[in-house]
C-alpha atoms as a PDB file:
ATOM      1  CA  MET A   1     -22.575 -35.474 -17.024  1.00  0.00           C
ATOM      2  CA  THR A   2     -19.181 -34.023 -17.872  1.00  0.00           C
ATOM      3  CA  GLU A   3     -18.236 -32.291 -14.657  1.00  0.00           C
ATOM      4  CA  ILE A   4     -16.657 -34.377 -11.875  1.00  0.00           C
ATOM      5  CA  SER A   5     -17.841 -32.022  -9.140  1.00  0.00           C
ATOM      6  CA  LYS A   6     -18.963 -28.453  -8.803  1.00  0.00           C
ATOM      7  CA  GLY A   7     -16.059 -26.030  -8.828  1.00  0.00           C
ATOM      8  CA  ASN A   8     -13.492 -28.305 -10.491  1.00  0.00           C
ATOM      9  CA  SER A   9     -11.939 -26.964 -13.704  1.00  0.00           C
ATOM     10  CA  TRP A  10     -11.507 -30.327 -15.400  1.00  0.00           C
ATOM     11  CA  ASP A  11     -13.993 -32.911 -16.638  1.00  0.00           C
ATOM     12  CA  LEU A  12     -14.481 -36.519 -17.654  1.00  0.00           C
ATOM     13  CA  ALA A  13     -14.295 -35.704 -21.341  1.00  0.00           C
ATOM     14  CA  ARG A  14     -10.556 -35.067 -21.184  1.00  0.00           C
ATOM     15  CA  ILE A  15      -9.680 -38.356 -19.455  1.00  0.00           C
ATOM     16  CA  SER A  16      -8.438 -41.102 -21.777  1.00  0.00           C
ATOM     17  CA  ALA A  17      -6.291 -44.230 -21.730  1.00  0.00           C
ATOM     18  CA  ALA A  18      -3.296 -41.918 -22.129  1.00  0.00           C
ATOM     19  CA  THR A  19      -4.077 -39.879 -19.018  1.00  0.00           C
ATOM     20  CA  ARG A  20      -1.336 -40.090 -16.396  1.00  0.00           C
ATOM     21  CA  VAL A  21      -2.294 -40.652 -12.759  1.00  0.00           C
ATOM     22  CA  VAL A  22      -1.061 -39.390  -9.415  1.00  0.00           C
ATOM     23  CA  ALA A  23      -2.718 -40.352  -6.151  1.00  0.00           C
ATOM     24  CA  VAL A  24      -2.897 -39.456  -2.501  1.00  0.00           C
ATOM     25  CA  ILE A  25      -2.791 -42.389  -0.094  1.00  0.00           C
ATOM     26  CA  GLY A  26      -3.806 -42.276   3.555  1.00  0.00           C
ATOM     27  CA  ASP A  27      -6.331 -43.380   6.167  1.00  0.00           C
ATOM     28  CA  PRO A  28      -8.597 -41.499   6.288  1.00  0.00           C
ATOM     29  CA  VAL A  29      -8.313 -39.885   2.864  1.00  0.00           C
ATOM     30  CA  LEU A  30     -11.845 -38.863   1.844  1.00  0.00           C
ATOM     31  CA  HIS A  31     -11.358 -35.451   3.423  1.00  0.00           C
ATOM     32  CA  SER A  32      -8.146 -34.728   1.481  1.00  0.00           C
ATOM     33  CA  LEU A  33      -8.039 -31.574  -0.632  1.00  0.00           C
ATOM     34  CA  SER A  34      -4.879 -32.709  -2.434  1.00  0.00           C
ATOM     35  CA  PRO A  35      -6.645 -34.097  -5.544  1.00  0.00           C
ATOM     36  CA  ARG A  36      -8.567 -30.831  -5.887  1.00  0.00           C
ATOM     37  CA  LEU A  37      -5.336 -28.824  -5.683  1.00  0.00           C
ATOM     38  CA  HIS A  38      -3.462 -31.093  -8.086  1.00  0.00           C
ATOM     39  CA  ASN A  39      -6.248 -31.178 -10.674  1.00  0.00           C
ATOM     40  CA  ALA A  40      -6.649 -27.394 -10.640  1.00  0.00           C
ATOM     41  CA  ALA A  41      -2.944 -27.059 -11.401  1.00  0.00           C
ATOM     42  CA  PHE A  42      -2.910 -29.816 -14.033  1.00  0.00           C
ATOM     43  CA  ALA A  43      -5.776 -28.175 -15.935  1.00  0.00           C
ATOM     44  CA  GLN A  44      -4.022 -24.794 -15.948  1.00  0.00           C
ATOM     45  CA  MET A  45      -0.721 -26.409 -16.989  1.00  0.00           C
ATOM     46  CA  GLY A  46      -2.360 -28.303 -19.874  1.00  0.00           C
ATOM     47  CA  LEU A  47      -1.183 -31.646 -18.507  1.00  0.00           C
ATOM     48  CA  ASP A  48      -3.170 -34.777 -19.373  1.00  0.00           C
ATOM     49  CA  TRP A  49      -2.910 -35.872 -15.765  1.00  0.00           C
ATOM     50  CA  VAL A  50      -5.449 -36.638 -13.059  1.00  0.00           C
ATOM     51  CA  SER A  51      -5.146 -36.893  -9.279  1.00  0.00           C
ATOM     52  CA  VAL A  52      -7.274 -39.276  -7.198  1.00  0.00           C
ATOM     53  CA  GLY A  53      -7.420 -40.500  -3.606  1.00  0.00           C
ATOM     54  CA  PHE A  54      -6.958 -44.070  -2.370  1.00  0.00           C
ATOM     55  CA  GLU A  55      -7.767 -45.113   1.179  1.00  0.00           C
ATOM     56  CA  VAL A  56      -4.919 -47.372   2.282  1.00  0.00           C
ATOM     57  CA  LYS A  57      -5.152 -48.940   5.703  1.00  0.00           C
ATOM     58  CA  ARG A  58      -2.275 -48.787   8.177  1.00  0.00           C
ATOM     59  CA  GLY A  59       0.331 -51.424   7.402  1.00  0.00           C
ATOM     60  CA  ARG A  60      -0.587 -51.629   3.695  1.00  0.00           C
ATOM     61  CA  ALA A  61       1.845 -49.011   2.391  1.00  0.00           C
ATOM     62  CA  LYS A  62       4.055 -51.622   0.684  1.00  0.00           C
ATOM     63  CA  SER A  63       1.102 -53.035  -1.239  1.00  0.00           C
ATOM     64  CA  ALA A  64       0.094 -49.517  -2.323  1.00  0.00           C
ATOM     65  CA  LEU A  65       3.632 -48.675  -3.424  1.00  0.00           C
ATOM     66  CA  ASP A  66       3.988 -51.946  -5.371  1.00  0.00           C
ATOM     67  CA  ALA A  67       0.633 -51.399  -7.073  1.00  0.00           C
ATOM     68  CA  SER A  68       1.565 -47.824  -7.973  1.00  0.00           C
ATOM     69  CA  ARG A  69       4.762 -49.044  -9.624  1.00  0.00           C
ATOM     70  CA  SER A  70       2.914 -51.770 -11.557  1.00  0.00           C
ATOM     71  CA  LEU A  71       0.202 -49.395 -12.763  1.00  0.00           C
ATOM     72  CA  GLY A  72       2.674 -46.739 -13.891  1.00  0.00           C
ATOM     73  CA  LEU A  73       1.588 -43.898 -11.624  1.00  0.00           C
ATOM     74  CA  VAL A  74       3.567 -40.684 -11.929  1.00  0.00           C
ATOM     75  CA  GLY A  75       3.736 -40.127  -8.205  1.00  0.00           C
ATOM     76  CA  LEU A  76       2.083 -40.289  -4.815  1.00  0.00           C
ATOM     77  CA  SER A  77       1.151 -37.845  -2.103  1.00  0.00           C
ATOM     78  CA  VAL A  78       1.488 -39.623   1.218  1.00  0.00           C
ATOM     79  CA  THR A  79      -0.421 -38.683   4.330  1.00  0.00           C
ATOM     80  CA  MET A  80      -1.114 -40.256   7.728  1.00  0.00           C
ATOM     81  CA  PRO A  81      -0.348 -42.927   8.763  1.00  0.00           C
ATOM     82  CA  HIS A  82       2.119 -43.929   6.032  1.00  0.00           C
ATOM     83  CA  LYS A  83       4.871 -41.286   5.942  1.00  0.00           C
ATOM     84  CA  SER A  84       7.451 -43.242   7.958  1.00  0.00           C
ATOM     85  CA  ASP A  85       6.562 -46.604   6.389  1.00  0.00           C
ATOM     86  CA  VAL A  86       6.992 -45.221   2.874  1.00  0.00           C
ATOM     87  CA  ALA A  87      10.352 -43.718   3.851  1.00  0.00           C
ATOM     88  CA  ASN A  88      11.550 -47.261   4.553  1.00  0.00           C
ATOM     89  CA  LEU A  89      10.140 -48.670   1.289  1.00  0.00           C
ATOM     90  CA  VAL A  90      11.293 -46.307  -1.474  1.00  0.00           C
ATOM     91  CA  ASP A  91      14.508 -46.818  -3.445  1.00  0.00           C
ATOM     92  CA  SER A  92      16.075 -43.514  -2.376  1.00  0.00           C
ATOM     93  CA  LEU A  93      15.357 -40.455  -0.244  1.00  0.00           C
ATOM     94  CA  THR A  94      16.030 -36.762  -0.576  1.00  0.00           C
ATOM     95  CA  GLU A  95      18.186 -35.221   2.139  1.00  0.00           C
ATOM     96  CA  GLU A  96      15.168 -33.761   3.964  1.00  0.00           C
ATOM     97  CA  ALA A  97      13.173 -37.002   3.858  1.00  0.00           C
ATOM     98  CA  SER A  98      16.188 -38.947   5.103  1.00  0.00           C
ATOM     99  CA  LYS A  99      16.701 -36.620   8.088  1.00  0.00           C
ATOM    100  CA  LEU A 100      13.007 -36.781   8.947  1.00  0.00           C
ATOM    101  CA  ASN A 101      12.493 -40.470   8.126  1.00  0.00           C
ATOM    102  CA  ALA A 102       9.183 -39.320   6.642  1.00  0.00           C
ATOM    103  CA  VAL A 103       7.946 -39.077   3.053  1.00  0.00           C
ATOM    104  CA  ASN A 104       4.949 -37.085   1.869  1.00  0.00           C
ATOM    105  CA  CYS A 105       5.760 -37.244  -1.856  1.00  0.00           C
ATOM    106  CA  VAL A 106       6.939 -40.145  -4.017  1.00  0.00           C
ATOM    107  CA  VAL A 107       8.274 -39.654  -7.546  1.00  0.00           C
ATOM    108  CA  PHE A 108       8.346 -42.681  -9.863  1.00  0.00           C
ATOM    109  CA  CYS A 109      11.088 -42.418 -12.477  1.00  0.00           C
ATOM    110  CA  ASP A 110      13.771 -44.446 -14.256  1.00  0.00           C
ATOM    111  CA  ASP A 111      15.804 -44.511 -11.032  1.00  0.00           C
ATOM    112  CA  GLY A 112      12.940 -46.085  -9.117  1.00  0.00           C
ATOM    113  CA  ALA A 113      10.756 -44.604  -6.399  1.00  0.00           C
ATOM    114  CA  ILE A 114      12.235 -41.468  -4.846  1.00  0.00           C
ATOM    115  CA  GLY A 115      10.865 -40.294  -1.506  1.00  0.00           C
ATOM    116  CA  ALA A 116      10.741 -36.584  -0.724  1.00  0.00           C
ATOM    117  CA  ASN A 117       9.238 -34.378   1.937  1.00  0.00           C
ATOM    118  CA  THR A 118       7.750 -31.039   0.901  1.00  0.00           C
ATOM    119  CA  ASP A 119       5.929 -30.254   4.166  1.00  0.00           C
ATOM    120  CA  GLY A 120       8.630 -28.061   5.717  1.00  0.00           C
ATOM    121  CA  ALA A 121       9.405 -26.073   2.589  1.00  0.00           C
ATOM    122  CA  GLY A 122       5.665 -25.684   2.007  1.00  0.00           C
ATOM    123  CA  PHE A 123       5.324 -24.259   5.516  1.00  0.00           C
ATOM    124  CA  ILE A 124       8.079 -21.704   4.955  1.00  0.00           C
ATOM    125  CA  ARG A 125       6.479 -20.586   1.682  1.00  0.00           C
ATOM    126  CA  SER A 126       3.128 -20.288   3.424  1.00  0.00           C
ATOM    127  CA  ILE A 127       4.312 -17.958   6.189  1.00  0.00           C
ATOM    128  CA  ARG A 128       6.304 -15.847   3.757  1.00  0.00           C
ATOM    129  CA  ARG A 129       3.347 -15.477   1.408  1.00  0.00           C
ATOM    130  CA  GLY A 130       0.520 -15.365   3.913  1.00  0.00           C
ATOM    131  CA  ALA A 131       2.114 -13.352   6.709  1.00  0.00           C
ATOM    132  CA  GLN A 132       5.211 -11.744   5.137  1.00  0.00           C
ATOM    133  CA  PHE A 133       7.204 -13.479   7.873  1.00  0.00           C
ATOM    134  CA  ASP A 134      10.854 -14.424   7.344  1.00  0.00           C
ATOM    135  CA  PRO A 135      12.173 -16.868   9.997  1.00  0.00           C
ATOM    136  CA  GLU A 136      15.779 -15.725   9.665  1.00  0.00           C
ATOM    137  CA  GLY A 137      17.028 -14.528  13.032  1.00  0.00           C
ATOM    138  CA  LYS A 138      13.668 -15.188  14.711  1.00  0.00           C
ATOM    139  CA  ARG A 139      12.805 -17.118  17.875  1.00  0.00           C
ATOM    140  CA  CYS A 140      10.427 -19.886  16.864  1.00  0.00           C
ATOM    141  CA  MET A 141       8.369 -22.448  18.776  1.00  0.00           C
ATOM    142  CA  VAL A 142       6.975 -25.676  17.358  1.00  0.00           C
ATOM    143  CA  VAL A 143       4.207 -27.336  19.377  1.00  0.00           C
ATOM    144  CA  GLY A 144       4.195 -31.086  18.769  1.00  0.00           C
ATOM    145  CA  SER A 145       6.776 -33.693  17.829  1.00  0.00           C
ATOM    146  CA  GLY A 146       5.103 -35.737  15.081  1.00  0.00           C
ATOM    147  CA  GLY A 147       5.806 -35.765  11.358  1.00  0.00           C
ATOM    148  CA  ALA A 148       4.586 -32.235  10.657  1.00  0.00           C
ATOM    149  CA  ALA A 149       6.432 -30.866  13.675  1.00  0.00           C
ATOM    150  CA  ARG A 150       9.701 -32.498  12.637  1.00  0.00           C
ATOM    151  CA  ALA A 151       9.386 -31.179   9.087  1.00  0.00           C
ATOM    152  CA  ILE A 152       8.700 -27.645  10.304  1.00  0.00           C
ATOM    153  CA  THR A 153      11.513 -27.805  12.851  1.00  0.00           C
ATOM    154  CA  LEU A 154      14.015 -28.767  10.162  1.00  0.00           C
ATOM    155  CA  ALA A 155      12.676 -26.153   7.731  1.00  0.00           C
ATOM    156  CA  LEU A 156      12.968 -23.359  10.315  1.00  0.00           C
ATOM    157  CA  ALA A 157      16.560 -24.388  11.063  1.00  0.00           C
ATOM    158  CA  ASN A 158      17.335 -24.410   7.331  1.00  0.00           C
ATOM    159  CA  ALA A 159      15.757 -20.940   7.066  1.00  0.00           C
ATOM    160  CA  SER A 160      18.292 -19.627   9.613  1.00  0.00           C
ATOM    161  CA  ALA A 161      15.987 -19.167  12.585  1.00  0.00           C
ATOM    162  CA  ARG A 162      17.762 -17.899  15.692  1.00  0.00           C
ATOM    163  CA  GLU A 163      16.368 -20.783  17.735  1.00  0.00           C
ATOM    164  CA  VAL A 164      13.717 -23.464  17.447  1.00  0.00           C
ATOM    165  CA  VAL A 165      12.003 -24.434  20.681  1.00  0.00           C
ATOM    166  CA  VAL A 166       9.977 -27.649  20.735  1.00  0.00           C
ATOM    167  CA  VAL A 167       7.153 -28.276  23.184  1.00  0.00           C
ATOM    168  CA  ALA A 168       5.388 -31.635  23.276  1.00  0.00           C
ATOM    169  CA  ARG A 169       3.492 -33.826  25.732  1.00  0.00           C
ATOM    170  CA  SER A 170       6.240 -36.493  25.516  1.00  0.00           C
ATOM    171  CA  GLY A 171       9.616 -35.281  26.752  1.00  0.00           C
ATOM    172  CA  PRO A 172      11.753 -37.848  24.873  1.00  0.00           C
ATOM    173  CA  SER A 173       9.811 -37.226  21.650  1.00  0.00           C
ATOM    174  CA  ALA A 174      10.291 -33.468  22.053  1.00  0.00           C
ATOM    175  CA  GLU A 175      14.037 -33.997  22.513  1.00  0.00           C
ATOM    176  CA  ARG A 176      14.304 -36.049  19.329  1.00  0.00           C
ATOM    177  CA  CYS A 177      12.402 -33.395  17.425  1.00  0.00           C
ATOM    178  CA  ALA A 178      14.558 -30.552  18.772  1.00  0.00           C
ATOM    179  CA  GLU A 179      17.731 -32.437  17.804  1.00  0.00           C
ATOM    180  CA  ILE A 180      16.675 -32.117  14.153  1.00  0.00           C
ATOM    181  CA  ALA A 181      17.351 -28.368  14.397  1.00  0.00           C
ATOM    182  CA  GLY A 182      20.951 -28.979  15.491  1.00  0.00           C
ATOM    183  CA  GLY A 183      22.554 -26.479  17.848  1.00  0.00           C
ATOM    184  CA  ILE A 184      19.659 -24.025  17.726  1.00  0.00           C
ATOM    185  CA  GLY A 185      17.043 -26.565  18.841  1.00  0.00           C
ATOM    186  CA  TRP A 186      15.994 -27.091  22.432  1.00  0.00           C
ATOM    187  CA  VAL A 187      13.046 -28.335  24.471  1.00  0.00           C
ATOM    188  CA  GLY A 188      10.968 -25.662  26.150  1.00  0.00           C
ATOM    189  CA  THR A 189       7.823 -25.403  28.242  1.00  0.00           C
ATOM    190  CA  PRO A 190       4.462 -24.006  27.163  1.00  0.00           C
ATOM    191  CA  GLN A 191       5.272 -20.792  29.020  1.00  0.00           C
ATOM    192  CA  SER A 192       8.296 -20.313  26.724  1.00  0.00           C
ATOM    193  CA  ALA A 193       5.821 -19.198  24.058  1.00  0.00           C
ATOM    194  CA  THR A 194       5.635 -15.716  25.591  1.00  0.00           C
ATOM    195  CA  ASP A 195       9.163 -14.967  24.312  1.00  0.00           C
ATOM    196  CA  MET A 196       8.726 -16.294  20.789  1.00  0.00           C
ATOM    197  CA  ASP A 197       8.341 -14.420  17.489  1.00  0.00           C
ATOM    198  CA  LEU A 198       6.587 -17.421  15.910  1.00  0.00           C
ATOM    199  CA  VAL A 199       4.427 -20.075  17.594  1.00  0.00           C
ATOM    200  CA  VAL A 200       3.241 -23.016  15.476  1.00  0.00           C
ATOM    201  CA  ASN A 201       0.717 -25.651  16.436  1.00  0.00           C
ATOM    202  CA  ALA A 202       1.905 -28.719  14.509  1.00  0.00           C
ATOM    203  CA  THR A 203      -0.576 -31.098  16.139  1.00  0.00           C
ATOM    204  CA  PRO A 204      -4.104 -32.111  15.044  1.00  0.00           C
ATOM    205  CA  VAL A 205      -5.666 -30.536  18.134  1.00  0.00           C
ATOM    206  CA  GLY A 206      -8.711 -28.564  16.987  1.00  0.00           C
ATOM    207  CA  MET A 207      -9.216 -30.457  13.709  1.00  0.00           C
ATOM    208  CA  SER A 208     -12.870 -30.807  12.738  1.00  0.00           C
ATOM    209  CA  GLY A 209     -14.233 -34.288  13.191  1.00  0.00           C
ATOM    210  CA  GLY A 210     -11.071 -35.650  14.747  1.00  0.00           C
ATOM    211  CA  PRO A 211     -10.727 -37.281  18.157  1.00  0.00           C
ATOM    212  CA  VAL A 212      -8.796 -34.232  19.364  1.00  0.00           C
ATOM    213  CA  GLU A 213     -11.213 -31.622  18.055  1.00  0.00           C
ATOM    214  CA  THR A 214     -12.053 -30.433  21.575  1.00  0.00           C
ATOM    215  CA  ALA A 215      -8.727 -31.320  23.232  1.00  0.00           C
ATOM    216  CA  THR A 216      -6.942 -28.641  25.232  1.00  0.00           C
ATOM    217  CA  PRO A 217      -4.049 -27.027  23.342  1.00  0.00           C
ATOM    218  CA  LEU A 218      -0.676 -27.520  24.981  1.00  0.00           C
ATOM    219  CA  VAL A 219       0.104 -23.815  24.638  1.00  0.00           C
ATOM    220  CA  GLN A 220      -2.800 -21.750  25.933  1.00  0.00           C
ATOM    221  CA  ALA A 221      -3.831 -18.801  23.773  1.00  0.00           C
ATOM    222  CA  GLU A 222      -4.006 -16.609  26.889  1.00  0.00           C
ATOM    223  CA  ILE A 223      -0.197 -16.292  26.951  1.00  0.00           C
ATOM    224  CA  LEU A 224       0.066 -15.244  23.285  1.00  0.00           C
ATOM    225  CA  HIS A 225       0.208 -11.564  22.423  1.00  0.00           C
ATOM    226  CA  GLU A 226       0.624  -8.745  19.942  1.00  0.00           C
ATOM    227  CA  GLY A 227       3.824  -8.843  17.902  1.00  0.00           C
ATOM    228  CA  GLN A 228       3.768 -12.610  17.455  1.00  0.00           C
ATOM    229  CA  LEU A 229       2.836 -14.711  14.435  1.00  0.00           C
ATOM    230  CA  VAL A 230       0.696 -17.668  15.544  1.00  0.00           C
ATOM    231  CA  VAL A 231       0.201 -20.461  12.991  1.00  0.00           C
ATOM    232  CA  ASP A 232      -1.978 -23.568  13.084  1.00  0.00           C
ATOM    233  CA  VAL A 233      -1.249 -26.351  10.571  1.00  0.00           C
ATOM    234  CA  VAL A 234      -4.873 -27.510  10.901  1.00  0.00           C
ATOM    235  CA  TYR A 235      -6.852 -26.324   7.865  1.00  0.00           C
ATOM    236  CA  GLU A 236     -10.319 -27.610   8.729  1.00  0.00           C
ATOM    237  CA  PRO A 237     -11.773 -25.481  10.202  1.00  0.00           C
ATOM    238  CA  ARG A 238      -9.948 -22.654   8.481  1.00  0.00           C
ATOM    239  CA  THR A 239      -9.822 -20.774  11.799  1.00  0.00           C
ATOM    240  CA  THR A 240      -9.464 -23.048  14.808  1.00  0.00           C
ATOM    241  CA  PRO A 241     -10.661 -21.931  18.253  1.00  0.00           C
ATOM    242  CA  TRP A 242      -7.008 -21.608  19.262  1.00  0.00           C
ATOM    243  CA  LEU A 243      -6.289 -19.231  16.363  1.00  0.00           C
ATOM    244  CA  ALA A 244      -9.419 -17.216  17.075  1.00  0.00           C
ATOM    245  CA  ALA A 245      -8.347 -16.834  20.687  1.00  0.00           C
ATOM    246  CA  ALA A 246      -4.827 -15.799  19.630  1.00  0.00           C
ATOM    247  CA  THR A 247      -6.298 -13.179  17.299  1.00  0.00           C
ATOM    248  CA  ALA A 248      -8.345 -11.813  20.180  1.00  0.00           C
ATOM    249  CA  ARG A 249      -5.095 -11.464  22.150  1.00  0.00           C
ATOM    250  CA  GLY A 250      -3.655  -9.265  19.367  1.00  0.00           C
ATOM    251  CA  ALA A 251      -1.401 -11.826  17.659  1.00  0.00           C
ATOM    252  CA  LYS A 252      -1.177 -12.083  13.888  1.00  0.00           C
ATOM    253  CA  THR A 253      -2.561 -15.480  12.874  1.00  0.00           C
ATOM    254  CA  LEU A 254      -2.413 -17.855   9.919  1.00  0.00           C
ATOM    255  CA  GLY A 255      -4.226 -21.140   9.256  1.00  0.00           C
ATOM    256  CA  GLY A 256      -2.918 -24.334   7.668  1.00  0.00           C
ATOM    257  CA  ILE A 257      -4.373 -24.052   4.165  1.00  0.00           C
ATOM    258  CA  GLY A 258      -1.280 -22.230   2.892  1.00  0.00           C
ATOM    259  CA  MET A 259       1.038 -25.044   3.953  1.00  0.00           C
ATOM    260  CA  LEU A 260      -1.254 -27.504   2.176  1.00  0.00           C
ATOM    261  CA  VAL A 261      -1.228 -25.474  -1.045  1.00  0.00           C
ATOM    262  CA  HIS A 262       2.498 -24.908  -1.118  1.00  0.00           C
ATOM    263  CA  GLN A 263       3.520 -28.470  -0.248  1.00  0.00           C
ATOM    264  CA  ALA A 264       1.302 -29.563  -3.159  1.00  0.00           C
ATOM    265  CA  GLU A 265       2.922 -26.959  -5.393  1.00  0.00           C
ATOM    266  CA  LEU A 266       6.350 -28.395  -4.599  1.00  0.00           C
ATOM    267  CA  ALA A 267       5.151 -31.963  -5.124  1.00  0.00           C
ATOM    268  CA  ILE A 268       3.828 -31.120  -8.588  1.00  0.00           C
ATOM    269  CA  THR A 269       7.188 -29.559  -9.434  1.00  0.00           C
ATOM    270  CA  LEU A 270       8.945 -32.772  -8.434  1.00  0.00           C
ATOM    271  CA  TRP A 271       6.555 -34.936 -10.497  1.00  0.00           C
ATOM    272  CA  SER A 272       6.469 -32.815 -13.637  1.00  0.00           C
ATOM    273  CA  GLY A 273       9.680 -30.794 -13.615  1.00  0.00           C
ATOM    274  CA  ILE A 274       7.510 -27.695 -14.066  1.00  0.00           C
ATOM    275  CA  GLU A 275       6.546 -25.128 -11.426  1.00  0.00           C
ATOM    276  CA  PRO A 276       2.752 -25.037 -11.341  1.00  0.00           C
ATOM    277  CA  PRO A 277       0.709 -21.838 -11.175  1.00  0.00           C
ATOM    278  CA  VAL A 278      -0.362 -21.300  -7.575  1.00  0.00           C
ATOM    279  CA  SER A 279      -3.328 -19.004  -8.214  1.00  0.00           C
ATOM    280  CA  PRO A 280      -5.701 -21.715  -9.517  1.00  0.00           C
ATOM    281  CA  MET A 281      -4.737 -23.912  -6.568  1.00  0.00           C
ATOM    282  CA  TRP A 282      -5.709 -21.168  -4.162  1.00  0.00           C
ATOM    283  CA  GLU A 283      -8.944 -20.619  -6.069  1.00  0.00           C
ATOM    284  CA  ALA A 284      -9.776 -24.306  -5.885  1.00  0.00           C
ATOM    285  CA  VAL A 285      -9.684 -24.328  -2.079  1.00  0.00           C
ATOM    286  CA  SER A 286     -11.127 -20.840  -1.665  1.00  0.00           C
ATOM    287  CA  GLN A 287     -14.360 -22.014  -3.280  1.00  0.00           C
ATOM    288  CA  LEU A 288     -15.010 -24.447  -0.412  1.00  0.00           C
END
């Protein structure tokens, strides 16, 4: 058998002792599409690299980081629940990662382990590519106050949004998230969504197989309407019930797969110094 799995464009025959390794760490991690995205890009780029997933339990981020250094990994993709822990463990942080106190990408180099965060920039690329939406001068709402919400809030502020309204179940957490946007950030109510140009669900509500798959969204789709862009960062299912309901209300909608692809694109650029081709990455996830 030479093929790792159906649909992948790389095979066992090309892996050798010289093959460089990147990994995604998280818990859970078996569902992650990141290795598939990375490997599709590596094959197209002609890099003798491979991406794999490692399940790392909560509280074991330091052990994973130390092992990655010892084994000479090129870099790491970091997912839940390790983003904040890794931010406190790396040797240095990019400006975005420092502001967010969250890392989703680690680069190992001569200067040590550098922590970056490509989630927010990946989100902006996804809405520009997938919906032809430019946040500049727009009224934007972010639903949630966790790591993804904070990254998107900062990215929208950096993209010159007119305002960034944060809505979350925890008032203090929403305030801390809104503060990331500086003077244009404030805490709203779910009803504030009616006045927004962009409404983003940055929570896992609606995710397949998760404990919140059937949870009630904080912002009800019934108040969304034509003329708005409604985005869900959840990518499994590709169309969540909330997005489907927003579409029925006349809103333009976009799922989370684009953010996933573009944050991976940016991570590969940081690891390799080369911008990867995005088309094979899209093809890799479109086959699923």
